[in-house]
Amino acid sequence: MDDEKRDLDQMIEIIEGIDTVVEDSEEDNAEENNYAEDVKKEGIYKDKKRKKRNRILSYIAIALISSLIGGLVSPYIAIKYLYADKLPAIEETSNDNVVYNIDDNSVTAVSVAAKKAMSSVVGITTKEVQNYGFISQEVDGVGSGVIVDKNGYILTNSHVVGDGNAKEITVLLENGDKIPGKVLWNDSSIDLAIVKVEAKNLPVATLGDSEKLEVGEIAIAIGNPLGLEFQRTVTSGIISGLHRSIQVDRYNLIEDLIQTDASINEGNSGGPLLNSKGEVIGINTAKIKTAEGLGFAIPINMVKPIIEQVVKEGTYKTVFLGITGIEVELYERQLGVELKADNGVIVIEVVPNSPASKGDLRNGDIITKIDDQEIQNMNQLKKSLYKYKKGDKAKLSIIRNGKEEQMEIEFSVLK
């Protein structure tokens, strides 16, 4: 307070000094005008420049002091108003009992987001029996997950739980509790699974909207890199790209992924990718091992309807097309033939009374598209069905006997 008062007194003295300078300048100008009139009568005009110089000096003094006052006041205005929408100011209830009201601009968006979501992140350890020829071996696994319902529903990757084949699953909560878990649903084609533990009133993550993501915005990953020794490690970066595709194995291409440079390591799989508000925007799934800063996450909007149905009904059923098929390239290679299609799925069998059968799909037809989604293999075909509900209709683009055709089918069965 003393420093502020002293600064104010100095400013007042400066302003009073300005008034004196201005008054003196005006008196000097009046004297100079009288003098100039006298001299003018005698035909001498020597002092016009002195009068102009004094006037300029007074203007300069006023400008300098105005700049000084503006410099002292403007930072307070800028901090209070210009940056008001940039500073962390989260005020909401998280996990039903913790309130974050952040007005301290030394607290970063990353720390606020991490604090909001941290208690909903779990560690997952597994035991899986893997067969190597005639030898069976029990293999330990570790990953991450995020609580999506307070009654013990946990979202993670399918590969974290051995694509549903894990012999034993243990979930480690933030409070240190270790609870057995079981897989309610999983799909290796989109690398997602939902695990259930018997617990109540668990802290739940807030799910964001992955459709609203922008390249360059903050991305925060929480997980258990390299095992539970470093559990709930927080790394941050940005959204580096959207709608990415990666080939995870010979037959499985995962599409529409979020790319981030937030560090993701072994054990981070299944953990959440957050935005600056602490909302889950994706589930971390993979990284490119031959490069740094190339991690990928499954958009959360893809799994929202799955979570809703699993919580409500205990499992998730997709619409059923009713075919057995194989990708064109593999079919050509195995049989040594050449089809009149570069990509697609060739129909090997049509299930009787299925939507495919009722839509007149036949053996030998090559499916190239479902609506606007191009189809290259059975995994892609299976994933494309997630966006449809029972009763929906879709247009199939096929090649039959070398000619392109279209047909409409109705998804009347769930499976």
Protein backbone atom coordinates (compact mmCIF):
# COMPACT_ATOMS: atom_id res chain seq x y z
CA MET A 1 0.00 0.00 0.00
CA ASP A 2 2.90 2.39 0.79
CA ASP A 3 4.46 1.72 -2.61
CA GLU A 4 1.14 2.37 -4.38
CA LYS A 5 0.63 5.64 -2.42
CA ARG A 6 4.17 6.77 -3.19
CA ASP A 7 3.64 6.03 -6.92
CA LEU A 8 0.36 8.00 -6.83
CA ASP A 9 2.00 11.01 -5.11
CA GLN A 10 4.77 11.00 -7.69
CA MET A 11 2.23 10.92 -10.52
CA ILE A 12 0.36 13.87 -8.98
CA GLU A 13 3.60 15.85 -8.67
CA ILE A 14 4.41 15.08 -12.31
CA ILE A 15 0.96 16.19 -13.45
CA GLU A 16 1.25 19.41 -11.39
CA GLY A 17 4.64 19.95 -13.00
CA ILE A 18 3.01 19.59 -16.39
CA ASP A 19 0.49 22.30 -15.52
CA THR A 20 3.35 24.59 -14.46
CA VAL A 21 5.19 23.90 -17.68
CA VAL A 22 2.07 24.62 -19.69
CA GLU A 23 1.34 27.86 -17.77
CA ASP A 24 4.96 29.01 -18.10
CA SER A 25 4.83 28.15 -21.75
CA GLU A 26 1.68 30.22 -22.21
CA GLU A 27 3.22 33.22 -20.36
CA ASP A 28 6.36 32.92 -22.47
CA ASN A 29 4.24 32.81 -25.61
CA ALA A 30 2.37 35.99 -24.56
CA GLU A 31 5.64 37.82 -23.85
CA GLU A 32 7.08 36.62 -27.12
CA ASN A 33 4.01 37.81 -28.99
CA ASN A 34 4.37 41.31 -27.45
CA TYR A 35 8.04 41.28 -28.16
CA ALA A 36 7.45 40.14 -31.71
CA GLU A 37 4.97 42.96 -32.26
CA ASP A 38 7.50 45.50 -31.02
CA VAL A 39 10.26 44.08 -33.08
CA LYS A 40 8.00 43.73 -36.08
CA LYS A 41 7.41 47.43 -36.00
CA GLU A 42 11.12 47.92 -36.33
CA GLY A 43 11.28 45.33 -39.16
CA ILE A 44 13.16 42.63 -37.15
CA TYR A 45 11.84 39.00 -36.95
CA LYS A 46 14.54 37.11 -35.09
CA ASP A 47 12.65 35.16 -32.43
CA LYS A 48 9.82 33.33 -34.19
CA LYS A 49 11.61 29.97 -33.85
CA ARG A 50 12.02 30.30 -30.06
CA LYS A 51 8.24 30.61 -29.57
CA LYS A 52 7.55 27.50 -31.71
CA ARG A 53 10.27 25.50 -29.92
CA ASN A 54 8.75 26.16 -26.48
CA ARG A 55 5.32 25.10 -27.67
CA ILE A 56 6.69 21.81 -29.06
CA LEU A 57 8.56 21.11 -25.80
CA SER A 58 5.35 21.48 -23.81
CA TYR A 59 3.55 19.01 -26.12
CA ILE A 60 6.38 16.50 -25.78
CA ALA A 61 6.24 16.73 -21.98
CA ILE A 62 2.49 16.06 -21.96
CA ALA A 63 2.90 13.07 -24.33
CA LEU A 64 5.66 11.54 -22.20
CA ILE A 65 3.68 11.79 -18.97
CA SER A 66 0.54 10.38 -20.64
CA SER A 67 2.58 7.40 -21.84
CA LEU A 68 3.92 6.87 -18.31
CA ILE A 69 0.44 6.90 -16.78
CA GLY A 70 -0.89 4.55 -19.48
CA GLY A 71 2.00 2.16 -18.92
CA LEU A 72 1.26 1.94 -15.20
CA VAL A 73 -2.49 1.45 -15.56
CA SER A 74 -2.85 -0.69 -18.70
CA PRO A 75 -1.33 -3.94 -17.32
CA TYR A 76 -4.02 -4.06 -14.64
CA ILE A 77 -6.72 -3.56 -17.28
CA ALA A 78 -5.19 -6.20 -19.55
CA ILE A 79 -4.90 -8.82 -16.82
CA LYS A 80 -8.41 -8.25 -15.55
CA TYR A 81 -10.25 -8.03 -18.86
CA LEU A 82 -8.18 -9.05 -21.89
CA TYR A 83 -7.02 -12.35 -20.39
CA ALA A 84 -10.07 -13.13 -18.32
CA ASP A 85 -11.19 -15.81 -20.78
CA LYS A 86 -7.72 -17.36 -21.01
CA LEU A 87 -6.98 -18.02 -17.34
CA PRO A 88 -8.08 -21.25 -15.69
CA ALA A 89 -11.44 -20.59 -14.06
CA ILE A 90 -12.99 -24.00 -13.55
CA GLU A 91 -15.82 -24.01 -11.09
CA GLU A 92 -17.66 -27.27 -11.07
CA THR A 93 -18.21 -30.33 -8.96
CA SER A 94 -15.99 -33.26 -9.86
CA ASN A 95 -16.55 -36.75 -8.52
CA ASP A 96 -19.52 -35.52 -6.48
CA ASN A 97 -17.48 -34.14 -3.60
CA VAL A 98 -14.59 -31.98 -4.82
CA VAL A 99 -14.99 -28.41 -6.06
CA TYR A 100 -12.30 -26.71 -8.14
CA ASN A 101 -12.42 -22.92 -8.21
CA ILE A 102 -9.21 -21.82 -9.88
CA ASP A 103 -8.47 -18.10 -10.07
CA ASP A 104 -4.69 -18.33 -9.61
CA ASN A 105 -3.08 -17.90 -13.03
CA SER A 106 0.02 -19.75 -11.81
CA VAL A 107 -2.07 -22.93 -12.01
CA THR A 108 -1.83 -24.24 -15.55
CA ALA A 109 -4.60 -25.79 -17.59
CA VAL A 110 -2.71 -29.08 -17.54
CA SER A 111 -2.59 -29.33 -13.75
CA VAL A 112 -6.25 -28.36 -13.41
CA ALA A 113 -7.35 -30.91 -16.01
CA ALA A 114 -5.19 -33.63 -14.49
CA LYS A 115 -6.50 -32.96 -10.99
CA LYS A 116 -10.08 -33.16 -12.20
CA ALA A 117 -9.65 -36.54 -13.93
CA MET A 118 -6.95 -38.21 -11.84
CA SER A 119 -9.16 -40.14 -9.41
CA SER A 120 -11.12 -41.74 -12.27
CA VAL A 121 -7.98 -43.29 -13.80
CA VAL A 122 -7.22 -46.89 -12.81
CA GLY A 123 -4.41 -49.36 -13.28
CA ILE A 124 -5.19 -52.74 -14.83
CA THR A 125 -3.04 -55.85 -14.42
CA THR A 126 -3.76 -59.12 -16.19
CA LYS A 127 -2.61 -62.71 -16.42
CA GLU A 128 -3.02 -64.34 -19.80
CA VAL A 129 -2.11 -67.80 -21.02
CA GLN A 130 -0.37 -67.69 -24.37
CA ASN A 131 0.41 -70.73 -26.46
CA TYR A 132 3.70 -71.05 -28.31
CA GLY A 133 3.34 -74.24 -30.33
CA PHE A 134 3.21 -77.05 -27.79
CA ILE A 135 4.22 -74.77 -24.92
CA SER A 136 1.82 -72.67 -22.83
CA GLN A 137 3.07 -69.76 -20.79
CA GLU A 138 1.34 -67.40 -18.36
CA VAL A 139 2.11 -63.80 -19.28
CA ASP A 140 1.57 -60.73 -17.09
CA GLY A 141 0.16 -57.57 -18.61
CA VAL A 142 -0.36 -54.01 -17.42
CA GLY A 143 -2.39 -51.12 -18.72
CA SER A 144 -4.73 -48.31 -17.78
CA GLY A 145 -8.43 -47.60 -17.77
CA VAL A 146 -10.92 -44.88 -16.91
CA ILE A 147 -14.10 -45.14 -14.84
CA VAL A 148 -17.17 -44.20 -16.90
CA ASP A 149 -19.92 -45.16 -14.44
CA LYS A 150 -19.93 -44.94 -10.64
CA ASN A 151 -21.10 -48.55 -10.30
CA GLY A 152 -17.81 -49.99 -11.52
CA TYR A 153 -17.80 -49.77 -15.32
CA ILE A 154 -14.31 -49.13 -16.68
CA LEU A 155 -13.34 -48.32 -20.27
CA THR A 156 -10.01 -49.59 -21.59
CA ASN A 157 -8.39 -51.13 -24.68
CA SER A 158 -9.32 -54.58 -25.90
CA HIS A 159 -5.65 -55.55 -26.11
CA VAL A 160 -5.13 -54.58 -22.43
CA VAL A 161 -7.46 -57.45 -21.43
CA GLY A 162 -6.05 -59.88 -23.98
CA ASP A 163 -8.96 -59.22 -26.37
CA GLY A 164 -11.26 -60.76 -23.76
CA ASN A 165 -9.03 -63.81 -23.14
CA ALA A 166 -7.25 -62.65 -19.98
CA LYS A 167 -7.31 -65.35 -17.30
CA GLU A 168 -7.24 -62.85 -14.46
CA ILE A 169 -7.94 -59.09 -14.33
CA THR A 170 -7.19 -56.85 -11.35
CA VAL A 171 -8.16 -53.18 -11.17
CA LEU A 172 -6.18 -50.81 -8.96
CA LEU A 173 -8.11 -47.75 -7.75
CA GLU A 174 -6.58 -44.43 -6.70
CA ASN A 175 -7.19 -45.20 -3.01
CA GLY A 176 -5.09 -48.37 -3.30
CA ASP A 177 -7.94 -50.88 -3.45
CA LYS A 178 -7.38 -53.86 -5.73
CA ILE A 179 -10.60 -55.33 -7.12
CA PRO A 180 -11.10 -58.30 -9.49
CA GLY A 181 -12.62 -57.35 -12.83
CA LYS A 182 -14.38 -59.13 -15.68
CA VAL A 183 -14.82 -58.21 -19.33
CA LEU A 184 -18.43 -57.40 -20.24
CA TRP A 185 -17.72 -56.41 -23.83
CA ASN A 186 -14.76 -56.00 -26.15
CA ASP A 187 -14.03 -55.59 -29.84
CA SER A 188 -10.50 -56.02 -31.13
CA SER A 189 -11.34 -54.32 -34.44
CA ILE A 190 -11.73 -50.97 -32.64
CA ASP A 191 -9.48 -51.96 -29.69
CA LEU A 192 -12.01 -51.14 -26.98
CA ALA A 193 -13.33 -53.06 -23.96
CA ILE A 194 -15.49 -52.45 -20.91
CA VAL A 195 -14.48 -54.09 -17.62
CA LYS A 196 -16.77 -54.38 -14.59
CA VAL A 197 -15.73 -54.38 -10.93
CA GLU A 198 -18.01 -54.81 -7.94
CA ALA A 199 -17.87 -51.35 -6.38
CA LYS A 200 -20.19 -48.42 -5.78
CA ASN A 201 -19.89 -44.62 -5.84
CA LEU A 202 -16.62 -44.57 -7.76
CA PRO A 203 -15.26 -41.27 -9.13
CA VAL A 204 -16.39 -40.90 -12.73
CA ALA A 205 -14.62 -39.15 -15.60
CA THR A 206 -16.40 -36.43 -17.57
CA LEU A 207 -16.71 -37.35 -21.25
CA GLY A 208 -16.03 -34.60 -23.78
CA ASP A 209 -16.97 -34.18 -27.44
CA SER A 210 -14.32 -35.51 -29.81
CA GLU A 211 -16.18 -34.03 -32.79
CA LYS A 212 -15.20 -30.52 -31.66
CA LEU A 213 -11.44 -31.10 -31.51
CA GLU A 214 -9.08 -28.73 -33.29
CA VAL A 215 -5.52 -29.43 -34.35
CA GLY A 216 -3.15 -27.53 -32.03
CA GLU A 217 -5.26 -27.59 -28.86
CA ILE A 218 -3.96 -29.02 -25.59
CA ALA A 219 -3.94 -32.80 -25.13
CA ILE A 220 -3.20 -34.47 -21.78
CA ALA A 221 -2.56 -38.19 -21.28
CA ILE A 222 -2.81 -40.01 -17.94
CA GLY A 223 -1.76 -43.61 -17.50
CA ASN A 224 0.71 -46.13 -16.13
CA PRO A 225 3.77 -46.08 -18.39
CA LEU A 226 6.08 -49.07 -17.95
CA GLY A 227 4.01 -50.51 -15.11
CA LEU A 228 2.29 -49.50 -11.88
CA GLU A 229 5.53 -48.13 -10.42
CA PHE A 230 4.83 -44.92 -12.36
CA GLN A 231 1.05 -45.06 -12.11
CA ARG A 232 -1.06 -42.04 -13.04
CA THR A 233 1.77 -40.31 -14.86
CA VAL A 234 0.65 -37.10 -16.60
CA THR A 235 2.09 -36.04 -19.96
CA SER A 236 0.92 -33.21 -22.16
CA GLY A 237 1.19 -31.97 -25.70
CA ILE A 238 -1.18 -30.98 -28.46
CA ILE A 239 -3.59 -32.54 -30.90
CA SER A 240 -1.27 -33.14 -33.85
CA GLY A 241 -3.81 -34.52 -36.29
CA LEU A 242 -7.31 -35.92 -36.70
CA HIS A 243 -8.85 -38.83 -38.65
CA ARG A 244 -5.58 -40.77 -38.76
CA SER A 245 -5.33 -44.47 -39.70
CA ILE A 246 -2.72 -46.97 -38.51
CA GLN A 247 -2.12 -50.61 -39.44
CA VAL A 248 -1.83 -52.46 -36.11
CA ASP A 249 -1.36 -55.89 -37.68
CA ARG A 250 -1.65 -57.63 -41.02
CA TYR A 251 -5.43 -57.62 -41.08
CA ASN A 252 -6.45 -54.83 -38.76
CA LEU A 253 -6.50 -51.16 -39.71
CA ILE A 254 -7.74 -48.77 -37.01
CA GLU A 255 -9.18 -45.60 -38.50
CA ASP A 256 -10.38 -42.15 -37.49
CA LEU A 257 -7.83 -41.82 -34.69
CA ILE A 258 -6.64 -38.73 -32.81
CA GLN A 259 -2.91 -38.11 -33.22
CA THR A 260 -1.05 -36.45 -30.34
CA ASP A 261 2.53 -35.70 -29.37
CA ALA A 262 1.75 -36.21 -25.65
CA SER A 263 4.11 -38.96 -24.53
CA ILE A 264 2.40 -42.37 -24.60
CA ASN A 265 4.34 -45.45 -23.51
CA GLU A 266 3.66 -49.11 -22.81
CA GLY A 267 1.17 -49.18 -19.95
CA ASN A 268 -0.56 -45.97 -21.06
CA SER A 269 -2.88 -48.07 -23.22
CA GLY A 270 -6.49 -47.73 -22.15
CA GLY A 271 -5.91 -44.50 -20.24
CA PRO A 272 -7.71 -41.27 -21.07
CA LEU A 273 -6.64 -38.47 -23.38
CA LEU A 274 -8.02 -35.22 -21.95
CA ASN A 275 -8.70 -31.72 -23.21
CA SER A 276 -7.88 -28.56 -21.25
CA LYS A 277 -11.17 -28.88 -19.31
CA GLY A 278 -10.24 -32.31 -17.97
CA GLU A 279 -12.81 -34.04 -20.20
CA VAL A 280 -12.03 -37.40 -21.79
CA ILE A 281 -11.77 -36.92 -25.56
CA GLY A 282 -10.10 -40.23 -26.40
CA ILE A 283 -8.71 -43.55 -25.17
CA ASN A 284 -4.97 -43.96 -25.74
CA THR A 285 -4.34 -47.00 -27.89
CA ALA A 286 -0.97 -47.02 -29.65
CA LYS A 287 2.24 -45.23 -30.53
CA ILE A 288 4.66 -45.49 -33.44
CA LYS A 289 7.68 -47.20 -31.88
CA THR A 290 10.08 -46.01 -34.57
CA ALA A 291 9.33 -42.32 -33.96
CA GLU A 292 8.88 -39.92 -31.06
CA GLY A 293 5.77 -37.83 -30.55
CA LEU A 294 3.43 -40.06 -32.55
CA GLY A 295 0.71 -41.36 -30.26
CA PHE A 296 -2.88 -42.24 -31.12
CA ALA A 297 -6.19 -42.31 -29.29
CA ILE A 298 -9.68 -43.61 -30.15
CA PRO A 299 -12.22 -40.74 -30.23
CA ILE A 300 -14.58 -40.92 -27.23
CA ASN A 301 -17.68 -40.25 -29.33
CA MET A 302 -17.22 -43.64 -30.98
CA VAL A 303 -17.75 -45.45 -27.70
CA LYS A 304 -20.43 -43.32 -26.00
CA PRO A 305 -23.40 -45.37 -27.30
CA ILE A 306 -21.55 -48.57 -26.38
CA ILE A 307 -21.03 -47.39 -22.79
CA GLU A 308 -24.67 -46.41 -22.51
CA GLN A 309 -25.92 -49.80 -23.68
CA VAL A 310 -23.46 -51.85 -21.65
CA VAL A 311 -24.36 -49.97 -18.46
CA LYS A 312 -28.06 -50.41 -19.19
CA GLU A 313 -28.13 -53.99 -20.53
CA GLY A 314 -24.82 -55.56 -19.47
CA THR A 315 -23.47 -55.94 -22.99
CA TYR A 316 -23.50 -54.31 -26.42
CA LYS A 317 -24.98 -55.66 -29.62
CA THR A 318 -24.35 -54.25 -33.07
CA VAL A 319 -26.62 -54.49 -36.06
CA PHE A 320 -26.19 -57.71 -38.02
CA LEU A 321 -25.52 -57.88 -41.75
CA GLY A 322 -25.40 -61.66 -42.09
CA ILE A 323 -22.44 -62.59 -44.30
CA THR A 324 -19.14 -64.39 -44.17
CA GLY A 325 -16.54 -62.68 -46.32
CA ILE A 326 -12.87 -62.15 -47.06
CA GLU A 327 -10.95 -59.20 -48.47
CA VAL A 328 -10.37 -59.20 -52.21
CA GLU A 329 -6.56 -59.10 -52.10
CA LEU A 330 -6.32 -62.08 -49.73
CA TYR A 331 -8.88 -64.06 -51.77
CA GLU A 332 -6.93 -63.45 -54.99
CA ARG A 333 -3.64 -64.43 -53.37
CA GLN A 334 -4.96 -67.63 -51.81
CA LEU A 335 -6.83 -68.88 -54.88
CA GLY A 336 -4.52 -67.47 -57.55
CA VAL A 337 -7.34 -65.65 -59.31
CA GLU A 338 -7.93 -62.06 -60.34
CA LEU A 339 -11.21 -60.32 -59.56
CA LYS A 340 -12.65 -57.27 -61.23
CA ALA A 341 -12.16 -55.15 -58.11
CA ASP A 342 -9.10 -53.67 -56.47
CA ASN A 343 -10.57 -53.46 -52.96
CA GLY A 344 -13.58 -54.72 -51.07
CA VAL A 345 -14.97 -57.80 -49.35
CA ILE A 346 -16.08 -60.78 -51.40
CA VAL A 347 -19.14 -62.57 -49.99
CA ILE A 348 -18.44 -66.25 -49.28
CA GLU A 349 -21.71 -67.08 -47.52
CA VAL A 350 -25.03 -65.34 -46.86
CA VAL A 351 -26.92 -66.23 -43.67
CA PRO A 352 -30.55 -67.21 -44.41
CA ASN A 353 -33.24 -64.71 -43.31
CA SER A 354 -30.56 -62.12 -42.47
CA PRO A 355 -30.66 -58.49 -43.64
CA ALA A 356 -28.14 -59.44 -46.36
CA SER A 357 -30.36 -62.28 -47.55
CA LYS A 358 -33.49 -60.14 -47.55
CA GLY A 359 -31.60 -57.45 -49.46
CA ASP A 360 -30.69 -60.01 -52.19
CA LEU A 361 -26.94 -60.07 -51.46
CA ARG A 362 -25.41 -63.19 -53.08
CA ASN A 363 -22.32 -65.35 -52.83
CA GLY A 364 -19.57 -63.88 -55.02
CA ASP A 365 -20.77 -60.28 -54.67
CA ILE A 366 -18.01 -57.83 -53.77
CA ILE A 367 -19.00 -55.15 -51.23
CA THR A 368 -17.07 -51.94 -51.89
CA LYS A 369 -19.08 -49.41 -49.85
CA ILE A 370 -21.71 -49.06 -47.15
CA ASP A 371 -23.27 -45.67 -47.76
CA ASP A 372 -20.21 -43.38 -48.08
CA GLN A 373 -17.84 -45.66 -46.12
CA GLU A 374 -15.35 -47.52 -48.32
CA ILE A 375 -14.90 -51.18 -47.36
CA GLN A 376 -11.56 -52.95 -47.77
CA ASN A 377 -11.73 -55.86 -45.30
CA MET A 378 -14.03 -57.59 -42.81
CA ASN A 379 -12.74 -55.56 -39.86
CA GLN A 380 -13.62 -52.36 -41.67
CA LEU A 381 -17.02 -53.78 -42.53
CA LYS A 382 -17.63 -54.72 -38.90
CA LYS A 383 -16.58 -51.29 -37.60
CA SER A 384 -18.80 -49.51 -40.10
CA LEU A 385 -21.86 -51.16 -38.52
CA TYR A 386 -21.34 -49.33 -35.20
CA LYS A 387 -22.98 -46.18 -36.50
CA TYR A 388 -26.26 -47.95 -37.32
CA LYS A 389 -29.16 -48.86 -35.03
CA LYS A 390 -31.87 -51.47 -35.37
CA GLY A 391 -34.35 -50.30 -38.01
CA ASP A 392 -31.80 -48.16 -39.91
CA LYS A 393 -31.32 -48.62 -43.64
CA ALA A 394 -28.09 -48.49 -45.64
CA LYS A 395 -27.11 -48.49 -49.30
CA LEU A 396 -24.59 -51.16 -50.35
CA SER A 397 -22.33 -50.60 -53.35
CA ILE A 398 -21.35 -53.95 -54.84
CA ILE A 399 -19.70 -55.48 -57.88
CA ARG A 400 -21.67 -58.42 -59.31
CA ASN A 401 -20.46 -60.24 -62.40
CA GLY A 402 -18.06 -57.38 -63.11
CA LYS A 403 -20.73 -54.67 -62.99
CA GLU A 404 -21.31 -52.07 -60.31
CA GLU A 405 -24.72 -52.18 -58.60
CA GLN A 406 -26.40 -50.70 -55.55
CA MET A 407 -28.92 -52.22 -53.19
CA GLU A 408 -30.68 -51.17 -49.98
CA ILE A 409 -30.75 -53.24 -46.84
CA GLU A 410 -32.51 -52.75 -43.52
CA PHE A 411 -30.76 -53.65 -40.25
CA SER A 412 -33.52 -55.60 -38.54
CA VAL A 413 -31.38 -57.86 -36.34
CA LEU A 414 -28.91 -57.23 -33.51
CA LYS A 415 -26.08 -59.56 -32.63
